[in-house]
Amino acid sequence: MPELLTLFAVFLMLFLFGMTLIRIGLMHLTYRTVKEWISRSTHHPFSGFLIGMIGTALIQSSSVTMVITIGMVTTGLLSFRQTIGIILGANIGTTITLEILSLNDANLAIPLLIIGMIFMFIPNANYYGIGSFVFGIALIFLSLNGFRSLALYVEAWPIVQEAFNYSDQVPEIGLGIGLVVAALIQSSTATTGLAMAFVETDVIEMSSAIGVMIGANLGTCITAWIASLTGSQESRLVAMAHVWVNVFSVLLFFPFLNEMAELGQWLSSSKSMQLAHLSVLFNVVSALIILPFIKPFVKFLEYVHNR
């Protein structure tokens, strides 16, 4: 058991390091561009929505997008009302990594490591960004295959079997796991990636994995909340808007975990792809439902948090 826990920790660190390299690479290539887009193109909620979605897809971190946005609100470059569309778009943009991870092929890992390393040693910021991104993808592929190899051994532990059986019967357990893990490691993508590895090997049911994915969206809000603590009242409203958007989304979808699991079977034959596609669907539908009601949503937030 200690050996398995050690290997699990190693694969988790490898996964998180891979995610960090992806973000470093993309931020080297796009950070300034994304920041300029946010400052110039958020006068209408729908344009903010598109900027949040595209910008987060480029830097691959909704948390980073939120921190940038909160910083711009604190300095007066954006108003609170301009940020709601960005929040909705950011939740969608971050799902692109899950789609990449669902294509996981262990045979690609070594060539990608070599290509990434070569680019990282070229003395040019853009090449370094490309190399970091490719190297990070390779590390994630390796770590996911490591998790899958461990899953069969972990599943054999009686205490783990009981825990997973209980989570399959009580969906709130999966939601809680996703929330806590994402809050601790500060990445909904990494948390959902772990769920993808376990659902692919049938360690957990799809409905439980969906619960983890939904909970992870809520858990990652803590970064924006922390970033807002030393800011203005408007910046705190941005952080709470991020929380409320994800709370509404969870309340909207949580009663339908089994139905979402059945829908996933129509989307792909691969369970990891099913979860990735459902993550996109979850965030897109949530955003489209909230987007037309931004004005009453803003009034609700101002009423609740300005008293």
C-alpha atoms as a PDB file:
ATOM      1  CA  MET A   1       0.000   0.000   0.000  1.00  0.00           C
ATOM      2  CA  PRO A   2       2.736   2.608   0.788  1.00  0.00           C
ATOM      3  CA  GLU A   3       4.317   1.892  -2.607  1.00  0.00           C
ATOM      4  CA  LEU A   4       0.996   2.523  -4.392  1.00  0.00           C
ATOM      5  CA  LEU A   5       0.449   5.756  -2.481  1.00  0.00           C
ATOM      6  CA  THR A   6       3.949   6.885  -3.436  1.00  0.00           C
ATOM      7  CA  LEU A   7       3.321   6.093  -7.104  1.00  0.00           C
ATOM      8  CA  PHE A   8      -0.040   7.879  -6.940  1.00  0.00           C
ATOM      9  CA  ALA A   9       1.682  10.970  -5.503  1.00  0.00           C
ATOM     10  CA  VAL A  10       4.355  10.817  -8.216  1.00  0.00           C
ATOM     11  CA  PHE A  11       1.773  10.569 -11.015  1.00  0.00           C
ATOM     12  CA  LEU A  12      -0.270  13.380  -9.441  1.00  0.00           C
ATOM     13  CA  MET A  13       2.793  15.651  -9.276  1.00  0.00           C
ATOM     14  CA  LEU A  14       3.616  14.718 -12.881  1.00  0.00           C
ATOM     15  CA  PHE A  15       0.076  15.607 -13.914  1.00  0.00           C
ATOM     16  CA  LEU A  16       0.122  18.959 -12.099  1.00  0.00           C
ATOM     17  CA  PHE A  17       3.581  19.784 -13.435  1.00  0.00           C
ATOM     18  CA  GLY A  18       2.326  19.022 -16.938  1.00  0.00           C
ATOM     19  CA  MET A  19      -0.650  21.355 -16.400  1.00  0.00           C
ATOM     20  CA  THR A  20       1.724  24.063 -15.130  1.00  0.00           C
ATOM     21  CA  LEU A  21       3.954  23.730 -18.201  1.00  0.00           C
ATOM     22  CA  ILE A  22       0.932  23.980 -20.504  1.00  0.00           C
ATOM     23  CA  ARG A  23      -0.121  27.209 -18.800  1.00  0.00           C
ATOM     24  CA  ILE A  24       3.419  28.616 -18.826  1.00  0.00           C
ATOM     25  CA  GLY A  25       3.752  27.833 -22.516  1.00  0.00           C
ATOM     26  CA  LEU A  26       0.433  29.339 -23.499  1.00  0.00           C
ATOM     27  CA  MET A  27       0.923  32.406 -21.306  1.00  0.00           C
ATOM     28  CA  HIS A  28       4.309  33.026 -22.974  1.00  0.00           C
ATOM     29  CA  LEU A  29       2.496  33.063 -26.286  1.00  0.00           C
ATOM     30  CA  THR A  30      -0.786  34.779 -25.452  1.00  0.00           C
ATOM     31  CA  TYR A  31      -0.845  36.487 -22.034  1.00  0.00           C
ATOM     32  CA  ARG A  32      -0.434  40.077 -23.272  1.00  0.00           C
ATOM     33  CA  THR A  33      -2.873  39.513 -26.130  1.00  0.00           C
ATOM     34  CA  VAL A  34      -5.516  38.109 -23.787  1.00  0.00           C
ATOM     35  CA  LYS A  35      -5.086  41.011 -21.362  1.00  0.00           C
ATOM     36  CA  GLU A  36      -5.511  43.545 -24.185  1.00  0.00           C
ATOM     37  CA  TRP A  37      -8.613  41.718 -25.481  1.00  0.00           C
ATOM     38  CA  ILE A  38     -10.207  41.781 -22.049  1.00  0.00           C
ATOM     39  CA  SER A  39      -9.607  45.509 -21.615  1.00  0.00           C
ATOM     40  CA  ARG A  40     -10.867  46.498 -25.082  1.00  0.00           C
ATOM     41  CA  SER A  41     -13.735  44.145 -25.902  1.00  0.00           C
ATOM     42  CA  THR A  42     -16.037  43.813 -22.899  1.00  0.00           C
ATOM     43  CA  HIS A  43     -18.520  46.643 -23.452  1.00  0.00           C
ATOM     44  CA  HIS A  44     -21.302  44.152 -24.281  1.00  0.00           C
ATOM     45  CA  PRO A  45     -21.959  40.959 -22.273  1.00  0.00           C
ATOM     46  CA  PHE A  46     -21.792  38.756 -25.379  1.00  0.00           C
ATOM     47  CA  SER A  47     -18.431  40.180 -26.469  1.00  0.00           C
ATOM     48  CA  GLY A  48     -17.161  39.625 -22.919  1.00  0.00           C
ATOM     49  CA  PHE A  49     -18.460  36.064 -23.146  1.00  0.00           C
ATOM     50  CA  LEU A  50     -16.489  35.441 -26.349  1.00  0.00           C
ATOM     51  CA  ILE A  51     -13.343  37.052 -24.930  1.00  0.00           C
ATOM     52  CA  GLY A  52     -13.578  34.992 -21.744  1.00  0.00           C
ATOM     53  CA  MET A  53     -14.041  31.807 -23.753  1.00  0.00           C
ATOM     54  CA  ILE A  54     -11.271  32.430 -26.298  1.00  0.00           C
ATOM     55  CA  GLY A  55      -8.861  33.942 -23.786  1.00  0.00           C
ATOM     56  CA  THR A  56      -9.227  31.047 -21.360  1.00  0.00           C
ATOM     57  CA  ALA A  57      -8.886  28.547 -24.200  1.00  0.00           C
ATOM     58  CA  LEU A  58      -5.555  30.199 -25.055  1.00  0.00           C
ATOM     59  CA  ILE A  59      -4.083  30.382 -21.541  1.00  0.00           C
ATOM     60  CA  GLN A  60      -5.919  27.259 -20.318  1.00  0.00           C
ATOM     61  CA  SER A  61      -6.843  28.408 -16.859  1.00  0.00           C
ATOM     62  CA  SER A  62     -10.145  29.934 -15.828  1.00  0.00           C
ATOM     63  CA  SER A  63      -8.463  30.832 -12.520  1.00  0.00           C
ATOM     64  CA  VAL A  64      -5.806  32.915 -14.326  1.00  0.00           C
ATOM     65  CA  THR A  65      -8.500  34.616 -16.421  1.00  0.00           C
ATOM     66  CA  MET A  66     -10.411  35.453 -13.239  1.00  0.00           C
ATOM     67  CA  VAL A  67      -7.299  36.782 -11.487  1.00  0.00           C
ATOM     68  CA  ILE A  68      -6.521  39.013 -14.508  1.00  0.00           C
ATOM     69  CA  THR A  69     -10.129  40.214 -14.569  1.00  0.00           C
ATOM     70  CA  ILE A  70     -10.223  40.947 -10.830  1.00  0.00           C
ATOM     71  CA  GLY A  71      -6.952  42.852 -11.138  1.00  0.00           C
ATOM     72  CA  MET A  72      -8.393  44.977 -13.946  1.00  0.00           C
ATOM     73  CA  VAL A  73     -11.537  45.690 -11.925  1.00  0.00           C
ATOM     74  CA  THR A  74      -9.410  46.688  -8.916  1.00  0.00           C
ATOM     75  CA  THR A  75      -7.449  49.178 -11.040  1.00  0.00           C
ATOM     76  CA  GLY A  76     -10.600  50.576 -12.636  1.00  0.00           C
ATOM     77  CA  LEU A  77      -9.996  49.263 -16.171  1.00  0.00           C
ATOM     78  CA  LEU A  78     -13.196  47.211 -16.022  1.00  0.00           C
ATOM     79  CA  SER A  79     -16.470  47.563 -14.141  1.00  0.00           C
ATOM     80  CA  PHE A  80     -18.109  44.689 -12.310  1.00  0.00           C
ATOM     81  CA  ARG A  81     -20.979  44.535 -14.824  1.00  0.00           C
ATOM     82  CA  GLN A  82     -18.509  44.020 -17.684  1.00  0.00           C
ATOM     83  CA  THR A  83     -17.086  40.872 -16.109  1.00  0.00           C
ATOM     84  CA  ILE A  84     -20.146  38.575 -16.061  1.00  0.00           C
ATOM     85  CA  GLY A  85     -19.781  37.603 -19.705  1.00  0.00           C
ATOM     86  CA  ILE A  86     -16.069  36.916 -19.146  1.00  0.00           C
ATOM     87  CA  ILE A  87     -16.901  34.566 -16.251  1.00  0.00           C
ATOM     88  CA  LEU A  88     -19.394  32.591 -18.351  1.00  0.00           C
ATOM     89  CA  GLY A  89     -16.959  32.325 -21.259  1.00  0.00           C
ATOM     90  CA  ALA A  90     -14.029  31.331 -19.047  1.00  0.00           C
ATOM     91  CA  ASN A  91     -15.856  28.237 -17.802  1.00  0.00           C
ATOM     92  CA  ILE A  92     -16.225  27.037 -21.395  1.00  0.00           C
ATOM     93  CA  GLY A  93     -12.706  27.920 -22.534  1.00  0.00           C
ATOM     94  CA  THR A  94     -11.006  25.758 -19.931  1.00  0.00           C
ATOM     95  CA  THR A  95     -12.751  22.595 -21.197  1.00  0.00           C
ATOM     96  CA  ILE A  96     -10.519  22.434 -24.302  1.00  0.00           C
ATOM     97  CA  THR A  97      -7.770  20.758 -22.254  1.00  0.00           C
ATOM     98  CA  LEU A  98     -10.144  17.926 -21.310  1.00  0.00           C
ATOM     99  CA  GLU A  99     -10.879  17.334 -24.990  1.00  0.00           C
ATOM    100  CA  ILE A 100      -7.126  17.077 -25.614  1.00  0.00           C
ATOM    101  CA  LEU A 101      -6.679  14.710 -22.664  1.00  0.00           C
ATOM    102  CA  SER A 102      -9.479  12.458 -23.906  1.00  0.00           C
ATOM    103  CA  LEU A 103      -7.317  11.756 -26.981  1.00  0.00           C
ATOM    104  CA  ASN A 104      -4.612  10.358 -24.680  1.00  0.00           C
ATOM    105  CA  ASP A 105      -2.262   7.999 -26.503  1.00  0.00           C
ATOM    106  CA  ALA A 106       0.736   6.641 -24.592  1.00  0.00           C
ATOM    107  CA  ASN A 107       2.598   6.062 -27.865  1.00  0.00           C
ATOM    108  CA  LEU A 108       2.673   9.822 -28.470  1.00  0.00           C
ATOM    109  CA  ALA A 109       4.175  10.691 -25.084  1.00  0.00           C
ATOM    110  CA  ILE A 110       7.862  10.016 -25.818  1.00  0.00           C
ATOM    111  CA  PRO A 111       7.937  11.786 -29.235  1.00  0.00           C
ATOM    112  CA  LEU A 112       6.135  14.767 -27.680  1.00  0.00           C
ATOM    113  CA  LEU A 113       8.645  14.867 -24.810  1.00  0.00           C
ATOM    114  CA  ILE A 114      11.545  14.970 -27.269  1.00  0.00           C
ATOM    115  CA  ILE A 115       9.910  17.620 -29.485  1.00  0.00           C
ATOM    116  CA  GLY A 116       8.971  19.730 -26.471  1.00  0.00           C
ATOM    117  CA  MET A 117      12.470  19.550 -25.013  1.00  0.00           C
ATOM    118  CA  ILE A 118      14.066  20.599 -28.307  1.00  0.00           C
ATOM    119  CA  PHE A 119      11.804  23.660 -28.586  1.00  0.00           C
ATOM    120  CA  MET A 120      12.362  24.619 -24.936  1.00  0.00           C
ATOM    121  CA  PHE A 121      16.124  24.878 -25.492  1.00  0.00           C
ATOM    122  CA  ILE A 122      15.778  27.237 -28.471  1.00  0.00           C
ATOM    123  CA  PRO A 123      16.615  30.768 -27.190  1.00  0.00           C
ATOM    124  CA  ASN A 124      13.323  32.328 -28.261  1.00  0.00           C
ATOM    125  CA  ALA A 125      10.284  33.112 -26.078  1.00  0.00           C
ATOM    126  CA  ASN A 126       7.741  31.831 -28.614  1.00  0.00           C
ATOM    127  CA  TYR A 127       9.618  28.574 -29.199  1.00  0.00           C
ATOM    128  CA  TYR A 128       9.948  28.152 -25.427  1.00  0.00           C
ATOM    129  CA  GLY A 129       6.173  28.599 -25.118  1.00  0.00           C
ATOM    130  CA  ILE A 130       5.526  25.968 -27.788  1.00  0.00           C
ATOM    131  CA  GLY A 131       8.014  23.579 -26.193  1.00  0.00           C
ATOM    132  CA  SER A 132       6.499  24.000 -22.723  1.00  0.00           C
ATOM    133  CA  PHE A 133       3.012  23.310 -24.068  1.00  0.00           C
ATOM    134  CA  VAL A 134       4.070  20.153 -25.951  1.00  0.00           C
ATOM    135  CA  PHE A 135       6.211  18.869 -23.064  1.00  0.00           C
ATOM    136  CA  GLY A 136       3.329  19.465 -20.646  1.00  0.00           C
ATOM    137  CA  ILE A 137       0.892  17.500 -22.824  1.00  0.00           C
ATOM    138  CA  ALA A 138       3.366  14.594 -22.921  1.00  0.00           C
ATOM    139  CA  LEU A 139       3.706  14.579 -19.117  1.00  0.00           C
ATOM    140  CA  ILE A 140      -0.071  14.504 -18.718  1.00  0.00           C
ATOM    141  CA  PHE A 141      -0.362  11.598 -21.156  1.00  0.00           C
ATOM    142  CA  LEU A 142       2.238   9.693 -19.129  1.00  0.00           C
ATOM    143  CA  SER A 143       0.573  10.472 -15.793  1.00  0.00           C
ATOM    144  CA  LEU A 144      -2.907   9.477 -17.006  1.00  0.00           C
ATOM    145  CA  ASN A 145      -1.582   6.141 -18.184  1.00  0.00           C
ATOM    146  CA  GLY A 146       0.085   5.780 -14.791  1.00  0.00           C
ATOM    147  CA  PHE A 147      -3.225   6.419 -13.023  1.00  0.00           C
ATOM    148  CA  ARG A 148      -4.931   3.840 -15.205  1.00  0.00           C
ATOM    149  CA  SER A 149      -2.305   1.229 -14.342  1.00  0.00           C
ATOM    150  CA  LEU A 150      -2.726   1.982 -10.621  1.00  0.00           C
ATOM    151  CA  ALA A 151      -6.511   2.001 -10.758  1.00  0.00           C
ATOM    152  CA  LEU A 152      -6.742  -1.786 -10.987  1.00  0.00           C
ATOM    153  CA  TYR A 153      -4.661  -2.198  -7.816  1.00  0.00           C
ATOM    154  CA  VAL A 154      -6.413   0.592  -5.932  1.00  0.00           C
ATOM    155  CA  GLU A 155      -9.837  -0.826  -6.788  1.00  0.00           C
ATOM    156  CA  ALA A 156      -8.911  -4.094  -5.043  1.00  0.00           C
ATOM    157  CA  TRP A 157      -8.613  -2.419  -1.625  1.00  0.00           C
ATOM    158  CA  PRO A 158     -11.751  -3.157   0.444  1.00  0.00           C
ATOM    159  CA  ILE A 159     -11.955   0.373   1.857  1.00  0.00           C
ATOM    160  CA  VAL A 160     -11.710   1.862  -1.646  1.00  0.00           C
ATOM    161  CA  GLN A 161     -14.350  -0.521  -2.967  1.00  0.00           C
ATOM    162  CA  GLU A 162     -16.723   0.506  -0.175  1.00  0.00           C
ATOM    163  CA  ALA A 163     -16.025   4.206  -0.749  1.00  0.00           C
ATOM    164  CA  PHE A 164     -16.627   3.999  -4.500  1.00  0.00           C
ATOM    165  CA  ASN A 165     -19.734   1.854  -4.052  1.00  0.00           C
ATOM    166  CA  TYR A 166     -21.057   4.431  -1.601  1.00  0.00           C
ATOM    167  CA  SER A 167     -20.283   7.294  -3.974  1.00  0.00           C
ATOM    168  CA  ASP A 168     -22.133   5.478  -6.762  1.00  0.00           C
ATOM    169  CA  GLN A 169     -25.191   5.226  -4.509  1.00  0.00           C
ATOM    170  CA  VAL A 170     -24.876   8.745  -3.083  1.00  0.00           C
ATOM    171  CA  PRO A 171     -23.948  11.182  -5.896  1.00  0.00           C
ATOM    172  CA  GLU A 172     -23.253  13.969  -3.389  1.00  0.00           C
ATOM    173  CA  ILE A 173     -20.030  12.144  -2.494  1.00  0.00           C
ATOM    174  CA  GLY A 174     -18.636  12.626  -6.007  1.00  0.00           C
ATOM    175  CA  LEU A 175     -19.680  16.280  -5.950  1.00  0.00           C
ATOM    176  CA  GLY A 176     -17.915  16.770  -2.611  1.00  0.00           C
ATOM    177  CA  ILE A 177     -14.769  14.999  -3.824  1.00  0.00           C
ATOM    178  CA  GLY A 178     -14.578  17.199  -6.927  1.00  0.00           C
ATOM    179  CA  LEU A 179     -15.128  20.364  -4.884  1.00  0.00           C
ATOM    180  CA  VAL A 180     -12.490  19.563  -2.242  1.00  0.00           C
ATOM    181  CA  VAL A 181      -9.824  18.237  -4.642  1.00  0.00           C
ATOM    182  CA  ALA A 182     -10.204  21.175  -7.055  1.00  0.00           C
ATOM    183  CA  ALA A 183     -10.013  23.634  -4.149  1.00  0.00           C
ATOM    184  CA  LEU A 184      -6.819  21.969  -2.900  1.00  0.00           C
ATOM    185  CA  ILE A 185      -4.951  21.612  -6.203  1.00  0.00           C
ATOM    186  CA  GLN A 186      -6.584  24.680  -7.789  1.00  0.00           C
ATOM    187  CA  SER A 187      -7.484  23.073 -11.090  1.00  0.00           C
ATOM    188  CA  SER A 188     -10.887  21.826 -12.199  1.00  0.00           C
ATOM    189  CA  THR A 189      -9.211  20.415 -15.316  1.00  0.00           C
ATOM    190  CA  ALA A 190      -6.741  18.330 -13.312  1.00  0.00           C
ATOM    191  CA  THR A 191      -9.507  17.073 -11.012  1.00  0.00           C
ATOM    192  CA  THR A 192     -11.705  16.069 -13.936  1.00  0.00           C
ATOM    193  CA  GLY A 193      -8.669  14.503 -15.630  1.00  0.00           C
ATOM    194  CA  LEU A 194      -8.242  12.210 -12.617  1.00  0.00           C
ATOM    195  CA  ALA A 195     -11.923  11.281 -12.830  1.00  0.00           C
ATOM    196  CA  MET A 196     -11.413  10.485 -16.533  1.00  0.00           C
ATOM    197  CA  ALA A 197      -8.617   8.058 -15.678  1.00  0.00           C
ATOM    198  CA  PHE A 198     -10.724   6.235 -13.085  1.00  0.00           C
ATOM    199  CA  VAL A 199     -13.932   6.082 -15.110  1.00  0.00           C
ATOM    200  CA  GLU A 200     -12.024   4.706 -18.104  1.00  0.00           C
ATOM    201  CA  THR A 201     -10.957   1.712 -15.998  1.00  0.00           C
ATOM    202  CA  ASP A 202     -14.453   1.282 -14.458  1.00  0.00           C
ATOM    203  CA  VAL A 203     -13.235   2.112 -10.949  1.00  0.00           C
ATOM    204  CA  ILE A 204     -16.109   4.607 -10.634  1.00  0.00           C
ATOM    205  CA  GLU A 205     -19.423   4.897 -12.452  1.00  0.00           C
ATOM    206  CA  MET A 206     -19.972   7.631 -15.025  1.00  0.00           C
ATOM    207  CA  SER A 207     -22.589   9.358 -12.844  1.00  0.00           C
ATOM    208  CA  SER A 208     -20.027   9.655 -10.007  1.00  0.00           C
ATOM    209  CA  ALA A 209     -17.385  10.984 -12.437  1.00  0.00           C
ATOM    210  CA  ILE A 210     -19.859  13.610 -13.657  1.00  0.00           C
ATOM    211  CA  GLY A 211     -20.455  14.574 -10.023  1.00  0.00           C
ATOM    212  CA  VAL A 212     -16.695  15.045  -9.584  1.00  0.00           C
ATOM    213  CA  MET A 213     -16.544  17.184 -12.733  1.00  0.00           C
ATOM    214  CA  ILE A 214     -19.428  19.403 -11.602  1.00  0.00           C
ATOM    215  CA  GLY A 215     -17.991  19.754  -8.099  1.00  0.00           C
ATOM    216  CA  ALA A 216     -14.571  20.658  -9.527  1.00  0.00           C
ATOM    217  CA  ASN A 217     -16.085  23.643 -11.344  1.00  0.00           C
ATOM    218  CA  LEU A 218     -17.240  24.978  -7.997  1.00  0.00           C
ATOM    219  CA  GLY A 219     -14.038  24.134  -6.101  1.00  0.00           C
ATOM    220  CA  THR A 220     -11.806  26.107  -8.423  1.00  0.00           C
ATOM    221  CA  CYS A 221     -13.666  29.344  -7.529  1.00  0.00           C
ATOM    222  CA  ILE A 222     -11.547  29.711  -4.396  1.00  0.00           C
ATOM    223  CA  THR A 223      -8.648  31.213  -6.396  1.00  0.00           C
ATOM    224  CA  ALA A 224     -10.739  34.171  -7.548  1.00  0.00           C
ATOM    225  CA  TRP A 225     -12.134  34.620  -4.050  1.00  0.00           C
ATOM    226  CA  ILE A 226      -8.621  34.747  -2.524  1.00  0.00           C
ATOM    227  CA  ALA A 227      -7.454  37.176  -5.227  1.00  0.00           C
ATOM    228  CA  SER A 228     -10.341  39.518  -4.400  1.00  0.00           C
ATOM    229  CA  LEU A 229      -9.738  39.734  -0.641  1.00  0.00           C
ATOM    230  CA  THR A 230      -7.340  42.673  -0.870  1.00  0.00           C
ATOM    231  CA  GLY A 231      -9.203  44.408  -3.687  1.00  0.00           C
ATOM    232  CA  SER A 232     -12.148  46.762  -3.973  1.00  0.00           C
ATOM    233  CA  GLN A 233     -15.805  45.997  -3.317  1.00  0.00           C
ATOM    234  CA  GLU A 234     -16.320  45.558  -7.073  1.00  0.00           C
ATOM    235  CA  SER A 235     -13.502  43.001  -7.277  1.00  0.00           C
ATOM    236  CA  ARG A 236     -15.134  41.027  -4.457  1.00  0.00           C
ATOM    237  CA  LEU A 237     -18.389  41.125  -6.411  1.00  0.00           C
ATOM    238  CA  VAL A 238     -16.553  39.603  -9.400  1.00  0.00           C
ATOM    239  CA  ALA A 239     -15.309  36.733  -7.254  1.00  0.00           C
ATOM    240  CA  MET A 240     -18.782  36.137  -5.803  1.00  0.00           C
ATOM    241  CA  ALA A 241     -20.269  36.254  -9.306  1.00  0.00           C
ATOM    242  CA  HIS A 242     -17.883  33.460 -10.262  1.00  0.00           C
ATOM    243  CA  VAL A 243     -19.065  31.462  -7.238  1.00  0.00           C
ATOM    244  CA  TRP A 244     -22.765  32.071  -7.906  1.00  0.00           C
ATOM    245  CA  VAL A 245     -22.491  31.175 -11.607  1.00  0.00           C
ATOM    246  CA  ASN A 246     -21.065  27.807 -10.649  1.00  0.00           C
ATOM    247  CA  VAL A 247     -23.556  27.310  -7.799  1.00  0.00           C
ATOM    248  CA  PHE A 248     -26.450  27.892 -10.219  1.00  0.00           C
ATOM    249  CA  SER A 249     -24.871  25.509 -12.720  1.00  0.00           C
ATOM    250  CA  VAL A 250     -24.470  22.793 -10.077  1.00  0.00           C
ATOM    251  CA  LEU A 251     -28.072  23.197  -8.901  1.00  0.00           C
ATOM    252  CA  LEU A 252     -29.266  23.051 -12.501  1.00  0.00           C
ATOM    253  CA  PHE A 253     -27.468  19.851 -13.481  1.00  0.00           C
ATOM    254  CA  PHE A 254     -26.933  17.906 -10.270  1.00  0.00           C
ATOM    255  CA  PRO A 255     -30.403  16.275 -10.208  1.00  0.00           C
ATOM    256  CA  PHE A 256     -29.751  14.830 -13.678  1.00  0.00           C
ATOM    257  CA  LEU A 257     -26.452  12.958 -13.247  1.00  0.00           C
ATOM    258  CA  ASN A 258     -27.882   9.632 -14.428  1.00  0.00           C
ATOM    259  CA  GLU A 259     -29.529  11.263 -17.438  1.00  0.00           C
ATOM    260  CA  MET A 260     -26.221  12.955 -18.321  1.00  0.00           C
ATOM    261  CA  ALA A 261     -24.456   9.578 -18.043  1.00  0.00           C
ATOM    262  CA  GLU A 262     -26.960   8.111 -20.508  1.00  0.00           C
ATOM    263  CA  LEU A 263     -26.491  11.069 -22.848  1.00  0.00           C
ATOM    264  CA  GLY A 264     -22.726  10.530 -22.717  1.00  0.00           C
ATOM    265  CA  GLN A 265     -23.161   7.075 -24.249  1.00  0.00           C
ATOM    266  CA  TRP A 266     -24.601   8.735 -27.342  1.00  0.00           C
ATOM    267  CA  LEU A 267     -21.679  11.155 -27.602  1.00  0.00           C
ATOM    268  CA  SER A 268     -18.789   8.670 -27.682  1.00  0.00           C
ATOM    269  CA  SER A 269     -17.871   5.039 -27.099  1.00  0.00           C
ATOM    270  CA  SER A 270     -14.879   6.128 -24.978  1.00  0.00           C
ATOM    271  CA  LYS A 271     -15.771   6.920 -21.366  1.00  0.00           C
ATOM    272  CA  SER A 272     -13.038   9.530 -21.016  1.00  0.00           C
ATOM    273  CA  MET A 273     -14.330  11.275 -24.160  1.00  0.00           C
ATOM    274  CA  GLN A 274     -17.871  11.062 -22.789  1.00  0.00           C
ATOM    275  CA  LEU A 275     -16.805  12.933 -19.649  1.00  0.00           C
ATOM    276  CA  ALA A 276     -14.861  15.521 -21.681  1.00  0.00           C
ATOM    277  CA  HIS A 277     -17.840  16.136 -23.994  1.00  0.00           C
ATOM    278  CA  LEU A 278     -20.243  16.346 -21.037  1.00  0.00           C
ATOM    279  CA  SER A 279     -17.975  18.932 -19.400  1.00  0.00           C
ATOM    280  CA  VAL A 280     -18.244  21.103 -22.510  1.00  0.00           C
ATOM    281  CA  LEU A 281     -22.025  20.584 -22.641  1.00  0.00           C
ATOM    282  CA  PHE A 282     -22.406  21.384 -18.932  1.00  0.00           C
ATOM    283  CA  ASN A 283     -20.580  24.694 -19.236  1.00  0.00           C
ATOM    284  CA  VAL A 284     -22.098  25.727 -22.584  1.00  0.00           C
ATOM    285  CA  VAL A 285     -25.703  25.098 -21.507  1.00  0.00           C
ATOM    286  CA  SER A 286     -25.135  26.813 -18.144  1.00  0.00           C
ATOM    287  CA  ALA A 287     -23.666  29.886 -19.858  1.00  0.00           C
ATOM    288  CA  LEU A 288     -26.454  30.102 -22.462  1.00  0.00           C
ATOM    289  CA  ILE A 289     -29.116  29.913 -19.736  1.00  0.00           C
ATOM    290  CA  ILE A 290     -27.527  32.648 -17.587  1.00  0.00           C
ATOM    291  CA  LEU A 291     -26.347  34.964 -20.418  1.00  0.00           C
ATOM    292  CA  PRO A 292     -29.805  36.449 -21.254  1.00  0.00           C
ATOM    293  CA  PHE A 293     -30.380  37.235 -17.560  1.00  0.00           C
ATOM    294  CA  ILE A 294     -27.170  39.125 -16.822  1.00  0.00           C
ATOM    295  CA  LYS A 295     -28.926  42.353 -15.725  1.00  0.00           C
ATOM    296  CA  PRO A 296     -31.150  40.695 -13.064  1.00  0.00           C
ATOM    297  CA  PHE A 297     -28.182  38.519 -12.065  1.00  0.00           C
ATOM    298  CA  VAL A 298     -26.065  41.648 -11.479  1.00  0.00           C
ATOM    299  CA  LYS A 299     -28.880  43.241  -9.436  1.00  0.00           C
ATOM    300  CA  PHE A 300     -29.161  40.053  -7.372  1.00  0.00           C
ATOM    301  CA  LEU A 301     -25.430  40.076  -6.600  1.00  0.00           C
ATOM    302  CA  GLU A 302     -25.389  43.772  -5.747  1.00  0.00           C
ATOM    303  CA  TYR A 303     -28.413  43.330  -3.459  1.00  0.00           C
ATOM    304  CA  VAL A 304     -26.966  40.304  -1.641  1.00  0.00           C
ATOM    305  CA  HIS A 305     -23.336  41.419  -1.299  1.00  0.00           C
ATOM    306  CA  ASN A 306     -23.607  45.208  -0.976  1.00  0.00           C
ATOM    307  CA  ARG A 307     -25.798  45.196   2.109  1.00  0.00           C
END
